[in-house]
PDB file of N, CA and C in Angstrom:
ATOM      1  N   UNK A   1     -58.549 -65.332 -53.986  1.00  0.00           N
ATOM      2  CA  UNK A   1     -58.426 -63.908 -53.830  1.00  0.00           C
ATOM      3  C   UNK A   1     -57.985 -63.622 -52.395  1.00  0.00           C
ATOM      4  N   UNK A   2     -56.931 -62.875 -52.207  1.00  0.00           N
ATOM      5  CA  UNK A   2     -56.438 -62.593 -50.857  1.00  0.00           C
ATOM      6  C   UNK A   2     -57.431 -61.764 -50.048  1.00  0.00           C
ATOM      7  N   UNK A   3     -57.472 -62.028 -48.767  1.00  0.00           N
ATOM      8  CA  UNK A   3     -58.352 -61.294 -47.872  1.00  0.00           C
ATOM      9  C   UNK A   3     -57.621 -60.081 -47.317  1.00  0.00           C
ATOM     10  N   UNK A   4     -58.355 -58.995 -47.144  1.00  0.00           N
ATOM     11  CA  UNK A   4     -57.808 -57.809 -46.505  1.00  0.00           C
ATOM     12  C   UNK A   4     -58.444 -57.696 -45.131  1.00  0.00           C
ATOM     13  N   UNK A   5     -57.588 -57.690 -44.100  1.00  0.00           N
ATOM     14  CA  UNK A   5     -58.072 -57.705 -42.729  1.00  0.00           C
ATOM     15  C   UNK A   5     -57.528 -56.488 -42.005  1.00  0.00           C
ATOM     16  N   UNK A   6     -58.402 -55.837 -41.250  1.00  0.00           N
ATOM     17  CA  UNK A   6     -57.992 -54.693 -40.449  1.00  0.00           C
ATOM     18  C   UNK A   6     -57.494 -55.147 -39.083  1.00  0.00           C
ATOM     19  N   UNK A   7     -57.670 -54.314 -38.084  1.00  0.00           N
ATOM     20  CA  UNK A   7     -57.223 -54.633 -36.730  1.00  0.00           C
ATOM     21  C   UNK A   7     -58.024 -55.791 -36.152  1.00  0.00           C
ATOM     22  N   UNK A   8     -57.350 -56.665 -35.413  1.00  0.00           N
ATOM     23  CA  UNK A   8     -57.976 -57.826 -34.798  1.00  0.00           C
ATOM     24  C   UNK A   8     -57.565 -57.871 -33.332  1.00  0.00           C
ATOM     25  N   UNK A   9     -58.524 -58.097 -32.446  1.00  0.00           N
ATOM     26  CA  UNK A   9     -58.240 -58.273 -31.023  1.00  0.00           C
ATOM     27  C   UNK A   9     -58.814 -59.614 -30.586  1.00  0.00           C
ATOM     28  N   UNK A  10     -57.959 -60.508 -30.114  1.00  0.00           N
ATOM     29  CA  UNK A  10     -58.384 -61.814 -29.638  1.00  0.00           C
ATOM     30  C   UNK A  10     -58.369 -61.778 -28.113  1.00  0.00           C
ATOM     31  N   UNK A  11     -59.535 -61.978 -27.508  1.00  0.00           N
ATOM     32  CA  UNK A  11     -59.635 -61.963 -26.049  1.00  0.00           C
ATOM     33  C   UNK A  11     -59.299 -63.341 -25.493  1.00  0.00           C
ATOM     34  N   UNK A  12     -59.908 -64.391 -26.038  1.00  0.00           N
ATOM     35  CA  UNK A  12     -59.585 -65.752 -25.606  1.00  0.00           C
ATOM     36  C   UNK A  12     -60.026 -66.743 -26.677  1.00  0.00           C
ATOM     37  N   UNK A  13     -59.362 -67.888 -26.689  1.00  0.00           N
ATOM     38  CA  UNK A  13     -59.691 -68.980 -27.603  1.00  0.00           C
ATOM     39  C   UNK A  13     -59.694 -70.254 -26.774  1.00  0.00           C
ATOM     40  N   UNK A  14     -60.778 -71.009 -26.834  1.00  0.00           N
ATOM     41  CA  UNK A  14     -60.851 -72.250 -26.058  1.00  0.00           C
ATOM     42  C   UNK A  14     -60.105 -73.367 -26.784  1.00  0.00           C
ATOM     43  N   UNK A  15     -60.003 -74.510 -26.140  1.00  0.00           N
ATOM     44  CA  UNK A  15     -59.196 -75.603 -26.682  1.00  0.00           C
ATOM     45  C   UNK A  15     -59.790 -76.237 -27.939  1.00  0.00           C
ATOM     46  N   UNK A  16     -61.080 -76.133 -28.167  1.00  0.00           N
ATOM     47  CA  UNK A  16     -61.677 -76.761 -29.345  1.00  0.00           C
ATOM     48  C   UNK A  16     -62.173 -75.732 -30.362  1.00  0.00           C
ATOM     49  N   UNK A  17     -61.645 -74.525 -30.325  1.00  0.00           N
ATOM     50  CA  UNK A  17     -62.095 -73.492 -31.255  1.00  0.00           C
ATOM     51  C   UNK A  17     -61.061 -73.262 -32.351  1.00  0.00           C
ATOM     52  N   UNK A  18     -61.461 -72.497 -33.350  1.00  0.00           N
ATOM     53  CA  UNK A  18     -60.584 -72.162 -34.481  1.00  0.00           C
ATOM     54  C   UNK A  18     -60.541 -70.650 -34.628  1.00  0.00           C
ATOM     55  N   UNK A  19     -59.358 -70.119 -34.828  1.00  0.00           N
ATOM     56  CA  UNK A  19     -59.189 -68.701 -35.132  1.00  0.00           C
ATOM     57  C   UNK A  19     -58.506 -68.611 -36.482  1.00  0.00           C
ATOM     58  N   UNK A  20     -59.155 -67.970 -37.444  1.00  0.00           N
ATOM     59  CA  UNK A  20     -58.605 -67.888 -38.795  1.00  0.00           C
ATOM     60  C   UNK A  20     -58.737 -66.473 -39.315  1.00  0.00           C
ATOM     61  N   UNK A  21     -57.690 -66.013 -39.960  1.00  0.00           N
ATOM     62  CA  UNK A  21     -57.727 -64.738 -40.666  1.00  0.00           C
ATOM     63  C   UNK A  21     -57.289 -65.012 -42.092  1.00  0.00           C
ATOM     64  N   UNK A  22     -58.096 -64.625 -43.036  1.00  0.00           N
ATOM     65  CA  UNK A  22     -57.727 -64.805 -44.435  1.00  0.00           C
ATOM     66  C   UNK A  22     -58.445 -65.976 -45.068  1.00  0.00           C
ATOM     67  N   UNK A  23     -57.940 -66.383 -46.220  1.00  0.00           N
ATOM     68  CA  UNK A  23     -58.553 -67.469 -46.978  1.00  0.00           C
ATOM     69  C   UNK A  23     -58.254 -68.815 -46.322  1.00  0.00           C
ATOM     70  N   UNK A  24     -59.217 -69.716 -46.389  1.00  0.00           N
ATOM     71  CA  UNK A  24     -59.039 -71.043 -45.802  1.00  0.00           C
ATOM     72  C   UNK A  24     -59.793 -72.062 -46.645  1.00  0.00           C
ATOM     73  N   UNK A  25     -59.224 -73.252 -46.773  1.00  0.00           N
ATOM     74  CA  UNK A  25     -59.874 -74.310 -47.543  1.00  0.00           C
ATOM     75  C   UNK A  25     -60.830 -75.102 -46.664  1.00  0.00           C
ATOM     76  N   UNK A  26     -60.354 -75.557 -45.517  1.00  0.00           N
ATOM     77  CA  UNK A  26     -61.200 -76.343 -44.616  1.00  0.00           C
ATOM     78  C   UNK A  26     -60.721 -76.161 -43.181  1.00  0.00           C
ATOM     79  N   UNK A  27     -61.672 -76.163 -42.256  1.00  0.00           N
ATOM     80  CA  UNK A  27     -61.351 -76.085 -40.835  1.00  0.00           C
ATOM     81  C   UNK A  27     -62.073 -77.220 -40.122  1.00  0.00           C
ATOM     82  N   UNK A  28     -61.375 -77.911 -39.235  1.00  0.00           N
ATOM     83  CA  UNK A  28     -61.983 -79.020 -38.513  1.00  0.00           C
ATOM     84  C   UNK A  28     -61.413 -79.100 -37.096  1.00  0.00           C
ATOM     85  N   UNK A  29     -62.046 -78.424 -36.134  1.00  0.00           N
ATOM     86  CA  UNK A  29     -61.547 -78.507 -34.754  1.00  0.00           C
ATOM     87  C   UNK A  29     -61.786 -79.897 -34.169  1.00  0.00           C
ATOM     88  N   UNK A  30     -60.878 -80.359 -33.327  1.00  0.00           N
ATOM     89  CA  UNK A  30     -61.005 -81.669 -32.709  1.00  0.00           C
ATOM     90  C   UNK A  30     -60.827 -81.533 -31.209  1.00  0.00           C
ATOM     91  N   UNK A  31     -61.661 -82.225 -30.470  1.00  0.00           N
ATOM     92  CA  UNK A  31     -61.587 -82.166 -29.021  1.00  0.00           C
ATOM     93  C   UNK A  31     -62.168 -83.447 -28.447  1.00  0.00           C
ATOM     94  N   UNK A  32     -61.693 -83.838 -27.268  1.00  0.00           N
ATOM     95  CA  UNK A  32     -62.275 -84.990 -26.588  1.00  0.00           C
ATOM     96  C   UNK A  32     -62.288 -84.723 -25.091  1.00  0.00           C
ATOM     97  N   UNK A  33     -63.231 -85.342 -24.394  1.00  0.00           N
ATOM     98  CA  UNK A  33     -63.353 -85.143 -22.956  1.00  0.00           C
ATOM     99  C   UNK A  33     -64.012 -86.361 -22.328  1.00  0.00           C
ATOM    100  N   UNK A  34     -63.715 -86.584 -21.055  1.00  0.00           N
ATOM    101  CA  UNK A  34     -64.357 -87.648 -20.288  1.00  0.00           C
ATOM    102  C   UNK A  34     -64.881 -87.017 -19.002  1.00  0.00           C
ATOM    103  N   UNK A  35     -66.145 -87.266 -18.703  1.00  0.00           N
ATOM    104  CA  UNK A  35     -66.779 -86.646 -17.546  1.00  0.00           C
ATOM    105  C   UNK A  35     -67.300 -87.715 -16.593  1.00  0.00           C
ATOM    106  N   UNK A  36     -66.973 -87.564 -15.326  1.00  0.00           N
ATOM    107  CA  UNK A  36     -67.502 -88.431 -14.281  1.00  0.00           C
ATOM    108  C   UNK A  36     -68.359 -87.578 -13.359  1.00  0.00           C
ATOM    109  N   UNK A  37     -69.541 -88.036 -13.031  1.00  0.00           N
ATOM    110  CA  UNK A  37     -70.421 -87.264 -12.159  1.00  0.00           C
ATOM    111  C   UNK A  37     -71.300 -88.210 -11.354  1.00  0.00           C
ATOM    112  N   UNK A  38     -71.673 -87.783 -10.182  1.00  0.00           N
ATOM    113  CA  UNK A  38     -72.516 -88.592  -9.310  1.00  0.00           C
ATOM    114  C   UNK A  38     -73.985 -88.407  -9.601  1.00  0.00           C
ATOM    115  N   UNK A  39     -74.808 -89.086  -8.827  1.00  0.00           N
ATOM    116  CA  UNK A  39     -76.251 -89.010  -8.996  1.00  0.00           C
ATOM    117  C   UNK A  39     -76.772 -87.603  -8.795  1.00  0.00           C
ATOM    118  N   UNK A  40     -77.646 -87.153  -9.670  1.00  0.00           N
ATOM    119  CA  UNK A  40     -78.237 -85.831  -9.563  1.00  0.00           C
ATOM    120  C   UNK A  40     -77.374 -84.709 -10.082  1.00  0.00           C
ATOM    121  N   UNK A  41     -76.268 -85.013 -10.748  1.00  0.00           N
ATOM    122  CA  UNK A  41     -75.337 -83.970 -11.182  1.00  0.00           C
ATOM    123  C   UNK A  41     -75.855 -83.146 -12.350  1.00  0.00           C
ATOM    124  N   UNK A  42     -76.534 -83.751 -13.304  1.00  0.00           N
ATOM    125  CA  UNK A  42     -76.935 -83.051 -14.518  1.00  0.00           C
ATOM    126  C   UNK A  42     -78.428 -82.732 -14.567  1.00  0.00           C
ATOM    127  N   UNK A  43     -79.071 -82.661 -13.425  1.00  0.00           N
ATOM    128  CA  UNK A  43     -80.486 -82.307 -13.385  1.00  0.00           C
ATOM    129  C   UNK A  43     -80.652 -80.809 -13.614  1.00  0.00           C
ATOM    130  N   UNK A  44     -81.623 -80.449 -14.447  1.00  0.00           N
ATOM    131  CA  UNK A  44     -81.921 -79.037 -14.700  1.00  0.00           C
ATOM    132  C   UNK A  44     -83.419 -78.820 -14.605  1.00  0.00           C
ATOM    133  N   UNK A  45     -83.807 -77.598 -14.344  1.00  0.00           N
ATOM    134  CA  UNK A  45     -85.231 -77.289 -14.285  1.00  0.00           C
ATOM    135  C   UNK A  45     -85.554 -76.374 -13.132  1.00  0.00           C
ATOM    136  N   UNK A  46     -86.813 -76.012 -13.034  1.00  0.00           N
ATOM    137  CA  UNK A  46     -87.272 -75.119 -11.979  1.00  0.00           C
ATOM    138  C   UNK A  46     -87.763 -75.925 -10.784  1.00  0.00           C
ATOM    139  N   UNK A  47     -87.292 -75.601  -9.589  1.00  0.00           N
ATOM    140  CA  UNK A  47     -87.797 -76.197  -8.356  1.00  0.00           C
ATOM    141  C   UNK A  47     -87.420 -77.642  -8.138  1.00  0.00           C
ATOM    142  N   UNK A  48     -86.220 -78.066  -8.574  1.00  0.00           N
ATOM    143  CA  UNK A  48     -85.803 -79.454  -8.358  1.00  0.00           C
ATOM    144  C   UNK A  48     -85.298 -79.605  -6.924  1.00  0.00           C
ATOM    145  N   UNK A  49     -85.745 -80.658  -6.267  1.00  0.00           N
ATOM    146  CA  UNK A  49     -85.291 -80.971  -4.912  1.00  0.00           C
ATOM    147  C   UNK A  49     -84.759 -82.401  -4.912  1.00  0.00           C
ATOM    148  N   UNK A  50     -83.465 -82.552  -4.599  1.00  0.00           N
ATOM    149  CA  UNK A  50     -82.817 -83.865  -4.666  1.00  0.00           C
ATOM    150  C   UNK A  50     -82.190 -84.168  -3.311  1.00  0.00           C
ATOM    151  N   UNK A  51     -82.431 -85.369  -2.796  1.00  0.00           N
ATOM    152  CA  UNK A  51     -81.809 -85.824  -1.552  1.00  0.00           C
ATOM    153  C   UNK A  51     -81.154 -87.171  -1.825  1.00  0.00           C
ATOM    154  N   UNK A  52     -79.849 -87.172  -1.970  1.00  0.00           N
ATOM    155  CA  UNK A  52     -79.116 -88.405  -2.262  1.00  0.00           C
ATOM    156  C   UNK A  52     -78.391 -88.946  -1.034  1.00  0.00           C
ATOM    157  N   UNK A  53     -78.552 -88.284   0.084  1.00  0.00           N
ATOM    158  CA  UNK A  53     -77.913 -88.688   1.339  1.00  0.00           C
ATOM    159  C   UNK A  53     -76.413 -88.875   1.157  1.00  0.00           C
ATOM    160  N   UNK A  54     -75.938 -90.102   1.162  1.00  0.00           N
ATOM    161  CA  UNK A  54     -74.499 -90.370   1.059  1.00  0.00           C
ATOM    162  C   UNK A  54     -74.145 -90.892  -0.331  1.00  0.00           C
ATOM    163  N   UNK A  55     -74.324 -90.083  -1.348  1.00  0.00           N
ATOM    164  CA  UNK A  55     -74.013 -90.484  -2.710  1.00  0.00           C
ATOM    165  C   UNK A  55     -72.506 -90.356  -2.951  1.00  0.00           C
ATOM    166  N   UNK A  56     -71.905 -91.390  -3.505  1.00  0.00           N
ATOM    167  CA  UNK A  56     -70.472 -91.392  -3.799  1.00  0.00           C
ATOM    168  C   UNK A  56     -70.260 -91.927  -5.202  1.00  0.00           C
ATOM    169  N   UNK A  57     -69.353 -91.297  -5.951  1.00  0.00           N
ATOM    170  CA  UNK A  57     -68.996 -91.758  -7.286  1.00  0.00           C
ATOM    171  C   UNK A  57     -67.551 -92.234  -7.248  1.00  0.00           C
ATOM    172  N   UNK A  58     -67.343 -93.522  -7.515  1.00  0.00           N
ATOM    173  CA  UNK A  58     -65.997 -94.085  -7.549  1.00  0.00           C
ATOM    174  C   UNK A  58     -65.549 -94.186  -9.001  1.00  0.00           C
ATOM    175  N   UNK A  59     -64.346 -93.710  -9.279  1.00  0.00           N
ATOM    176  CA  UNK A  59     -63.800 -93.750 -10.639  1.00  0.00           C
ATOM    177  C   UNK A  59     -62.490 -94.516 -10.602  1.00  0.00           C
ATOM    178  N   UNK A  60     -62.433 -95.607 -11.335  1.00  0.00           N
ATOM    179  CA  UNK A  60     -61.206 -96.385 -11.457  1.00  0.00           C
ATOM    180  C   UNK A  60     -60.975 -96.621 -12.938  1.00  0.00           C
ATOM    181  N   UNK A  61     -60.246 -95.743 -13.577  1.00  0.00           N
ATOM    182  CA  UNK A  61     -60.002 -95.805 -15.017  1.00  0.00           C
ATOM    183  C   UNK A  61     -58.546 -96.180 -15.228  1.00  0.00           C
ATOM    184  N   UNK A  62     -58.275 -97.462 -15.386  1.00  0.00           N
ATOM    185  CA  UNK A  62     -56.900 -97.941 -15.454  1.00  0.00           C
ATOM    186  C   UNK A  62     -56.259 -97.778 -16.827  1.00  0.00           C
ATOM    187  N   UNK A  63     -57.054 -97.729 -17.887  1.00  0.00           N
ATOM    188  CA  UNK A  63     -56.447 -97.563 -19.207  1.00  0.00           C
ATOM    189  C   UNK A  63     -56.061 -96.103 -19.423  1.00  0.00           C
ATOM    190  N   UNK A  64     -54.972 -95.900 -20.156  1.00  0.00           N
ATOM    191  CA  UNK A  64     -54.451 -94.552 -20.379  1.00  0.00           C
ATOM    192  C   UNK A  64     -55.232 -93.826 -21.466  1.00  0.00           C
ATOM    193  N   UNK A  65     -55.514 -94.515 -22.567  1.00  0.00           N
ATOM    194  CA  UNK A  65     -56.203 -93.893 -23.695  1.00  0.00           C
ATOM    195  C   UNK A  65     -57.456 -94.701 -24.018  1.00  0.00           C
ATOM    196  N   UNK A  66     -58.617 -94.057 -24.000  1.00  0.00           N
ATOM    197  CA  UNK A  66     -59.853 -94.739 -24.358  1.00  0.00           C
ATOM    198  C   UNK A  66     -60.039 -94.784 -25.874  1.00  0.00           C
ATOM    199  N   UNK A  67     -59.959 -93.630 -26.507  1.00  0.00           N
ATOM    200  CA  UNK A  67     -60.032 -93.540 -27.959  1.00  0.00           C
ATOM    201  C   UNK A  67     -59.202 -92.351 -28.371  1.00  0.00           C
ATOM    202  N   UNK A  68     -58.256 -92.595 -29.255  1.00  0.00           N
ATOM    203  CA  UNK A  68     -57.347 -91.519 -29.627  1.00  0.00           C
ATOM    204  C   UNK A  68     -58.026 -90.525 -30.561  1.00  0.00           C
ATOM    205  N   UNK A  69     -57.589 -89.279 -30.481  1.00  0.00           N
ATOM    206  CA  UNK A  69     -58.041 -88.238 -31.381  1.00  0.00           C
ATOM    207  C   UNK A  69     -56.906 -87.958 -32.345  1.00  0.00           C
ATOM    208  N   UNK A  70     -57.133 -88.204 -33.634  1.00  0.00           N
ATOM    209  CA  UNK A  70     -56.071 -87.986 -34.612  1.00  0.00           C
ATOM    210  C   UNK A  70     -56.428 -86.811 -35.511  1.00  0.00           C
ATOM    211  N   UNK A  71     -55.427 -86.161 -35.980  1.00  0.00           N
ATOM    212  CA  UNK A  71     -55.589 -85.043 -36.899  1.00  0.00           C
ATOM    213  C   UNK A  71     -55.812 -85.587 -38.303  1.00  0.00           C
ATOM    214  N   UNK A  72     -56.727 -85.007 -39.053  1.00  0.00           N
ATOM    215  CA  UNK A  72     -57.009 -85.487 -40.408  1.00  0.00           C
ATOM    216  C   UNK A  72     -55.807 -85.326 -41.330  1.00  0.00           C
ATOM    217  N   UNK A  73     -54.859 -84.444 -40.985  1.00  0.00           N
ATOM    218  CA  UNK A  73     -53.648 -84.288 -41.799  1.00  0.00           C
ATOM    219  C   UNK A  73     -52.710 -85.465 -41.614  1.00  0.00           C
ATOM    220  N   UNK A  74     -52.863 -86.236 -40.517  1.00  0.00           N
ATOM    221  CA  UNK A  74     -51.976 -87.366 -40.236  1.00  0.00           C
ATOM    222  C   UNK A  74     -52.392 -88.617 -40.985  1.00  0.00           C
ATOM    223  N   UNK A  75     -53.559 -88.620 -41.589  1.00  0.00           N
ATOM    224  CA  UNK A  75     -54.056 -89.824 -42.272  1.00  0.00           C
ATOM    225  C   UNK A  75     -53.405 -89.952 -43.628  1.00  0.00           C
TER     226      UNK A  75
END
């Protein structure tokens, strides 16, 4: 059954989101990311005190692709 849609305003869409108007069979957003962070980067909570002095994070990633992301339509 066709969908009837009125006015639509799109403010922003991120890279791993889906925007659909109308009927749809299946939606599958795909995204990948690699994060490098030093000591104490992901600490959360109330009253955390961290002293890492001279903390350094070295990143040497020589390979171009770690794991490919493929679209399910390509299979």
